[in-house]
Protein backbone atom coordinates (compact mmCIF):
# COMPACT_ATOMS: atom_id res chain seq x y z
CA UNK A 1 -0.03 -0.08 0.02
CA UNK A 2 1.42 3.36 -0.94
CA UNK A 3 1.86 6.17 1.42
CA UNK A 4 -0.90 8.12 -0.44
CA UNK A 5 -3.31 5.36 0.11
CA UNK A 6 -2.54 5.14 3.83
CA UNK A 7 -3.13 8.94 4.06
CA UNK A 8 -6.51 8.61 2.34
CA UNK A 9 -7.84 5.93 4.48
CA UNK A 10 -8.29 8.20 7.55
CA UNK A 11 -9.64 11.07 5.62
CA UNK A 12 -12.40 8.50 4.14
CA UNK A 13 -13.13 7.38 7.77
CA UNK A 14 -13.62 10.91 8.86
CA UNK A 15 -15.81 11.62 6.03
CA UNK A 16 -17.96 8.86 7.05
CA UNK A 17 -18.18 9.72 10.55
CA UNK A 18 -19.03 13.60 9.58
CA UNK A 19 -21.72 12.14 7.36
CA UNK A 20 -23.05 10.08 10.16
CA UNK A 21 -23.14 12.94 12.70
CA UNK A 22 -24.79 15.16 10.09
CA UNK A 23 -27.49 12.30 9.79
CA UNK A 24 -27.93 12.42 13.48
CA UNK A 25 -28.40 16.04 13.26
CA UNK A 26 -31.11 15.74 10.48
CA UNK A 27 -32.73 12.94 12.28
CA UNK A 28 -33.11 15.20 15.44
CA UNK A 29 -34.51 18.10 13.32
CA UNK A 30 -37.09 15.97 11.54
CA UNK A 31 -38.20 14.36 14.98
CA UNK A 32 -38.27 17.96 16.53
CA UNK A 33 -40.45 19.17 13.63
CA UNK A 34 -42.93 16.19 14.07
CA UNK A 35 -43.13 17.09 17.74
CA UNK A 36 -43.80 20.46 17.17
CA UNK A 37 -46.46 19.85 14.34
CA UNK A 38 -48.24 17.47 16.63
CA UNK A 39 -48.36 20.07 19.44
CA UNK A 40 -49.99 22.50 16.94
CA UNK A 41 -52.33 19.56 16.11
CA UNK A 42 -53.20 19.00 19.70
CA UNK A 43 -53.87 22.68 20.45
CA UNK A 44 -56.17 22.64 17.33
CA UNK A 45 -58.08 19.94 18.96
CA UNK A 46 -58.92 21.83 21.83
CA UNK A 47 -60.67 24.44 19.55
CA UNK A 48 -61.45 27.89 20.12
CA UNK A 49 -63.31 27.44 23.25
CA UNK A 50 -60.21 28.08 25.41
CA UNK A 51 -58.80 31.67 25.62
CA UNK A 52 -55.64 32.15 23.94
CA UNK A 53 -53.94 33.28 27.34
CA UNK A 54 -54.91 29.99 28.83
CA UNK A 55 -53.37 28.06 25.72
CA UNK A 56 -50.10 30.00 26.18
CA UNK A 57 -49.80 29.00 29.77
CA UNK A 58 -50.04 25.48 29.26
CA UNK A 59 -47.70 25.59 26.19
CA UNK A 60 -45.12 27.52 28.21
CA UNK A 61 -45.27 26.13 31.64
CA UNK A 62 -45.55 22.58 30.89
CA UNK A 63 -42.67 22.80 28.12
CA UNK A 64 -40.40 23.56 31.09
CA UNK A 65 -40.73 20.05 32.41
CA UNK A 66 -38.75 18.18 29.70
CA UNK A 67 -36.36 21.28 29.74
CA UNK A 68 -35.65 21.19 33.36
CA UNK A 69 -35.23 17.38 33.02
CA UNK A 70 -32.88 17.93 30.06
CA UNK A 71 -30.72 20.24 31.76
CA UNK A 72 -30.58 18.29 35.05
CA UNK A 73 -29.43 15.53 32.99
CA UNK A 74 -26.44 17.44 31.62
CA UNK A 75 -25.89 19.20 34.89
CA UNK A 76 -26.38 22.48 33.54
CA UNK A 77 -29.47 23.51 35.45
CA UNK A 78 -27.62 26.06 37.80
CA UNK A 79 -25.80 27.73 35.13
CA UNK A 80 -28.83 28.06 32.96
CA UNK A 81 -30.31 30.90 35.14
CA UNK A 82 -27.36 32.93 34.90
CA UNK A 83 -27.87 36.07 32.58
CA UNK A 84 -26.16 39.31 31.90
CA UNK A 85 -29.16 40.47 29.90
CA UNK A 86 -32.60 40.40 31.45
CA UNK A 87 -33.95 43.25 29.77
CA UNK A 88 -33.12 41.37 26.21
CA UNK A 89 -34.97 38.06 27.57
CA UNK A 90 -37.85 40.42 28.66
CA UNK A 91 -38.08 41.95 25.31
CA UNK A 92 -37.77 38.51 23.37
CA UNK A 93 -40.46 37.14 25.74
CA UNK A 94 -42.91 40.12 25.10
CA UNK A 95 -42.44 39.67 21.13
CA UNK A 96 -42.54 35.88 21.41
CA UNK A 97 -45.78 35.84 23.46
CA UNK A 98 -47.50 38.13 21.02
CA UNK A 99 -46.56 35.81 18.03
CA UNK A 100 -47.58 32.71 20.11
CA UNK A 101 -50.74 34.28 21.08
CA UNK A 102 -51.60 35.27 17.42
CA UNK A 103 -50.57 31.99 16.13
CA UNK A 104 -52.75 30.06 18.34
CA UNK A 105 -55.71 32.23 17.46
CA UNK A 106 -55.09 31.55 13.86
CA UNK A 107 -54.69 28.11 14.35
CA UNK A 108 -58.18 27.72 15.60
CA UNK A 109 -59.51 29.33 12.61
CA UNK A 110 -57.66 27.83 9.82
CA UNK A 111 -56.92 24.35 8.66
CA UNK A 112 -53.65 23.06 9.91
CA UNK A 113 -51.69 22.70 6.56
CA UNK A 114 -52.62 26.46 5.75
CA UNK A 115 -51.13 27.39 9.09
CA UNK A 116 -47.98 25.63 8.91
CA UNK A 117 -47.46 26.78 5.15
CA UNK A 118 -48.14 30.44 6.19
CA UNK A 119 -45.71 30.12 9.32
CA UNK A 120 -42.99 29.49 6.66
CA UNK A 121 -42.76 33.04 5.79
CA UNK A 122 -41.07 33.66 8.96
CA UNK A 123 -37.50 33.62 7.23
CA UNK A 124 -38.84 36.21 4.81
CA UNK A 125 -39.71 38.71 7.37
CA UNK A 126 -36.44 38.01 9.18
CA UNK A 127 -34.50 39.25 6.26
CA UNK A 128 -36.52 42.47 6.16
CA UNK A 129 -36.21 42.89 9.96
CA UNK A 130 -32.62 42.34 9.84
CA UNK A 131 -32.33 44.79 7.37
CA UNK A 132 -34.31 47.52 9.08
CA UNK A 133 -33.22 46.71 12.90
CA UNK A 134 -29.69 45.42 12.46
CA UNK A 135 -28.81 47.21 9.27
CA UNK A 136 -27.52 44.03 7.66
CA UNK A 137 -26.70 44.39 4.01
CA UNK A 138 -29.23 42.64 2.05
CA UNK A 139 -28.54 42.30 -1.79
CA UNK A 140 -30.63 41.75 -4.76
CA UNK A 141 -30.94 38.06 -4.73
CA UNK A 142 -32.19 37.89 -1.16
CA UNK A 143 -34.61 40.63 -1.96
CA UNK A 144 -35.98 38.83 -4.77
CA UNK A 145 -36.36 35.68 -2.79
CA UNK A 146 -38.38 37.64 -0.26
CA UNK A 147 -40.61 39.03 -3.15
CA UNK A 148 -41.13 35.74 -4.42
CA UNK A 149 -41.83 33.95 -1.14
CA UNK A 150 -44.38 36.91 -0.19
CA UNK A 151 -46.21 36.25 -3.47
CA UNK A 152 -46.62 32.61 -2.25
CA UNK A 153 -47.88 33.76 1.01
CA UNK A 154 -50.48 35.89 -1.03
CA UNK A 155 -51.49 32.78 -3.05
CA UNK A 156 -52.15 30.55 -0.20
CA UNK A 157 -54.19 33.49 1.66
CA UNK A 158 -55.98 34.76 -1.23
CA UNK A 159 -58.96 32.30 -0.97
CA UNK A 160 -59.32 33.28 2.59
CA UNK A 161 -59.01 37.11 2.23
CA UNK A 162 -61.22 37.73 -1.04
CA UNK A 163 -64.69 37.04 0.68
CA UNK A 164 -66.16 37.86 -2.64
CA UNK A 165 -67.95 34.70 -3.23
CA UNK A 166 -69.35 34.70 0.29
CA UNK A 167 -67.89 31.23 0.68
CA UNK A 168 -65.19 32.29 3.04
CA UNK A 169 -66.09 33.05 6.71
CA UNK A 170 -64.76 36.10 8.47
CA UNK A 171 -63.09 33.91 11.17
CA UNK A 172 -60.78 32.60 8.27
CA UNK A 173 -59.95 36.14 7.25
CA UNK A 174 -59.13 37.05 10.83
CA UNK A 175 -57.00 33.81 10.94
CA UNK A 176 -55.01 34.56 8.04
CA UNK A 177 -54.35 38.00 9.35
CA UNK A 178 -53.50 36.60 12.85
CA UNK A 179 -51.07 34.06 11.13
CA UNK A 180 -49.26 36.52 9.08
CA UNK A 181 -48.75 38.91 11.89
CA UNK A 182 -47.57 35.96 14.17
CA UNK A 183 -44.98 35.26 11.57
CA UNK A 184 -43.80 38.89 11.74
CA UNK A 185 -43.63 38.77 15.44
CA UNK A 186 -41.59 35.51 15.13
CA UNK A 187 -39.26 36.98 12.76
CA UNK A 188 -38.75 39.81 15.26
CA UNK A 189 -38.17 37.16 17.75
CA UNK A 190 -35.53 35.49 15.75
CA UNK A 191 -33.75 39.18 15.77
CA UNK A 192 -33.84 39.01 19.58
CA UNK A 193 -32.52 35.65 19.83
CA UNK A 194 -29.77 36.29 17.51
CA UNK A 195 -28.37 39.33 19.56
CA UNK A 196 -29.09 37.28 22.74
CA UNK A 197 -26.86 34.13 21.84
CA UNK A 198 -24.02 36.39 21.39
CA UNK A 199 -23.77 36.39 25.25
CA UNK A 200 -26.20 33.77 26.47
CA UNK A 201 -26.51 30.25 26.30
CA UNK A 202 -29.48 28.50 24.51
CA UNK A 203 -30.83 26.89 27.45
CA UNK A 204 -30.65 30.16 29.18
CA UNK A 205 -32.63 31.74 26.23
CA UNK A 206 -35.36 28.82 26.29
CA UNK A 207 -35.78 28.86 30.07
CA UNK A 208 -36.31 32.68 30.46
CA UNK A 209 -38.79 32.76 27.63
CA UNK A 210 -40.72 29.77 28.99
CA UNK A 211 -40.90 31.16 32.42
CA UNK A 212 -41.76 34.66 31.42
CA UNK A 213 -44.36 33.74 28.97
CA UNK A 214 -45.94 31.53 31.68
CA UNK A 215 -46.24 34.68 33.95
CA UNK A 216 -47.66 36.95 31.30
CA UNK A 217 -50.10 34.24 30.37
CA UNK A 218 -51.01 33.46 33.85
CA UNK A 219 -52.01 37.25 34.27
CA UNK A 220 -54.80 36.76 31.85
CA UNK A 221 -56.62 34.41 34.21
CA UNK A 222 -58.00 37.52 35.81
CA UNK A 223 -59.99 37.96 32.43
CA UNK A 224 -61.36 34.80 32.76
CA UNK A 225 -60.22 31.25 31.83
CA UNK A 226 -62.35 28.34 30.62
CA UNK A 227 -62.96 25.35 32.83
CA UNK A 228 -61.25 22.25 31.41
CA UNK A 229 -62.47 18.82 31.61
CA UNK A 230 -60.01 15.87 31.73
CA UNK A 231 -59.72 15.56 27.89
CA UNK A 232 -59.10 19.11 27.01
CA UNK A 233 -56.60 19.61 30.10
CA UNK A 234 -54.71 16.34 29.02
CA UNK A 235 -54.38 17.79 25.55
CA UNK A 236 -53.14 21.09 26.53
CA UNK A 237 -50.57 19.47 29.01
CA UNK A 238 -49.38 17.13 26.34
CA UNK A 239 -48.94 19.97 23.96
CA UNK A 240 -46.81 21.85 26.42
CA UNK A 241 -44.66 18.88 27.16
CA UNK A 242 -44.30 18.11 23.23
CA UNK A 243 -43.53 21.64 22.61
CA UNK A 244 -40.68 21.22 25.31
CA UNK A 245 -39.21 18.21 23.82
CA UNK A 246 -39.47 19.72 20.37
CA UNK A 247 -37.20 22.59 21.60
CA UNK A 248 -34.74 20.16 23.05
CA UNK A 249 -34.41 18.17 20.04
CA UNK A 250 -34.05 21.29 17.91
CA UNK A 251 -31.09 22.47 20.13
CA UNK A 252 -29.42 19.14 20.04
CA UNK A 253 -29.58 18.82 16.31
CA UNK A 254 -27.53 21.95 15.77
CA UNK A 255 -24.65 20.06 17.85
CA UNK A 256 -24.41 17.77 15.17
CA UNK A 257 -24.75 19.71 12.01
CA UNK A 258 -24.44 23.20 10.55
CA UNK A 259 -27.37 25.42 10.28
CA UNK A 260 -27.35 25.36 6.34
CA UNK A 261 -27.50 21.51 6.47
CA UNK A 262 -30.37 21.17 8.78
CA UNK A 263 -32.56 24.13 8.07
CA UNK A 264 -34.18 22.91 4.96
CA UNK A 265 -35.59 20.00 6.75
CA UNK A 266 -37.89 22.46 8.62
CA UNK A 267 -39.99 22.20 5.72
CA UNK A 268 -40.75 18.67 6.50
CA UNK A 269 -43.56 20.24 8.59
CA UNK A 270 -45.28 20.86 5.57
CA UNK A 271 -45.70 17.05 5.06
CA UNK A 272 -46.50 16.33 8.66
CA UNK A 273 -49.19 19.12 8.63
CA UNK A 274 -50.90 17.69 5.52
CA UNK A 275 -50.95 14.11 6.92
CA UNK A 276 -52.01 15.13 10.55
CA UNK A 277 -54.70 17.70 9.18
CA UNK A 278 -56.15 14.98 7.08
CA UNK A 279 -56.31 12.26 9.76
CA UNK A 280 -57.54 14.56 12.51
CA UNK A 281 -59.63 17.09 10.86
CA UNK A 282 -60.32 15.87 7.33
CA UNK A 283 -58.37 18.79 5.83
CA UNK A 284 -57.42 18.49 2.24
CA UNK A 285 -55.20 21.05 0.73
CA UNK A 286 -56.41 22.42 -2.61
CA UNK A 287 -54.01 22.98 -5.45
CA UNK A 288 -53.60 26.83 -4.75
CA UNK A 289 -52.42 26.14 -1.31
CA UNK A 290 -49.89 23.63 -2.57
CA UNK A 291 -48.61 25.99 -5.16
CA UNK A 292 -48.22 28.92 -2.92
CA UNK A 293 -46.62 26.37 -0.29
CA UNK A 294 -44.15 25.33 -2.73
CA UNK A 295 -43.12 29.09 -3.68
CA UNK A 296 -42.60 30.05 0.11
CA UNK A 297 -40.59 26.97 0.60
CA UNK A 298 -38.35 27.37 -2.48
CA UNK A 299 -37.88 31.15 -1.50
CA UNK A 300 -36.80 30.11 2.02
CA UNK A 301 -34.55 27.35 0.92
CA UNK A 302 -32.96 29.82 -1.51
CA UNK A 303 -32.42 32.35 1.55
CA UNK A 304 -30.85 29.38 3.71
CA UNK A 305 -28.55 28.72 0.79
CA UNK A 306 -27.69 32.27 0.14
CA UNK A 307 -26.92 32.82 3.79
CA UNK A 308 -24.79 29.76 3.90
CA UNK A 309 -22.97 31.10 0.66
CA UNK A 310 -22.25 34.46 2.14
CA UNK A 311 -21.00 32.82 5.55
CA UNK A 312 -18.39 30.99 3.72
CA UNK A 313 -17.43 34.00 1.85
CA UNK A 314 -16.95 35.89 4.93
CA UNK A 315 -15.00 33.19 6.54
CA UNK A 316 -12.61 33.18 3.56
CA UNK A 317 -12.23 36.83 3.69
CA UNK A 318 -11.27 36.79 7.43
CA UNK A 319 -8.91 33.91 6.56
CA UNK A 320 -7.14 36.09 3.85
CA UNK A 321 -7.00 39.04 6.07
CA UNK A 322 -5.46 37.21 9.00
CA UNK A 323 -2.75 35.64 6.86
CA UNK A 324 -1.93 39.22 5.57
CA UNK A 325 -1.62 40.63 8.77
């Protein structure tokens, strides 16, 4: 065996191990998406008879159960509460609660696949807010992707917002408006998180959001909560636990692969949403909804790809600058 062959073998082994680790990350991502879509389906099962604030409380409070267990297992529970930026967590929590509340309201008014498809507009709005709030340089290609993606949102929403033929209820119109607004708040929340993770650990961000959201939601009890039977209470508790597990799996998946590798698999939620929507609610997506979803997904994946390419260019530029200094 030649020296070259000897040197090549470890590299092949390393490449194989890297692929296996990436597959673990992808598997965790897809599983996290399944848990989060199942959480949304469970909330929809409860219907609109439960106030949104009450739903947020169950979602946030019981999500902390698996999160606490996970942090205790990793011996990170004590350090997870340490923060240098309490006001940053407060701002992120307020924005996140607004997005969550609007999202849950829209979920009770629209078919599950439509809600999930519209939620994928979040990366599009994130580009807009990054340019406005963080003064990030956004070039033509990403602006074009945002415009194309928003056209997909309009295609999905149009049957719900025309109200011209009388077949669309006003509740559906309110649902569309609520979901679109929730994606805007979710995009703003990503801006907060991107700023927070520069100094804060991921478990800290999750814990402070869950605890603050629970507190804010609990205050809505003064306006009246619905009495829950055993079925609805079990569903809401289960939704909270599933949401917490989904957050943990999503955090873990990024330990095994890069964001650019994992992020496109977020769109598996569309498939899960269509399947669960049909099984649980008899929702059958129309051709217009599927076309709009494909456009939104394509625009989102292009933005992810573009961000990855720009990241590689920035790293190469830093390497060249460092070598010349």
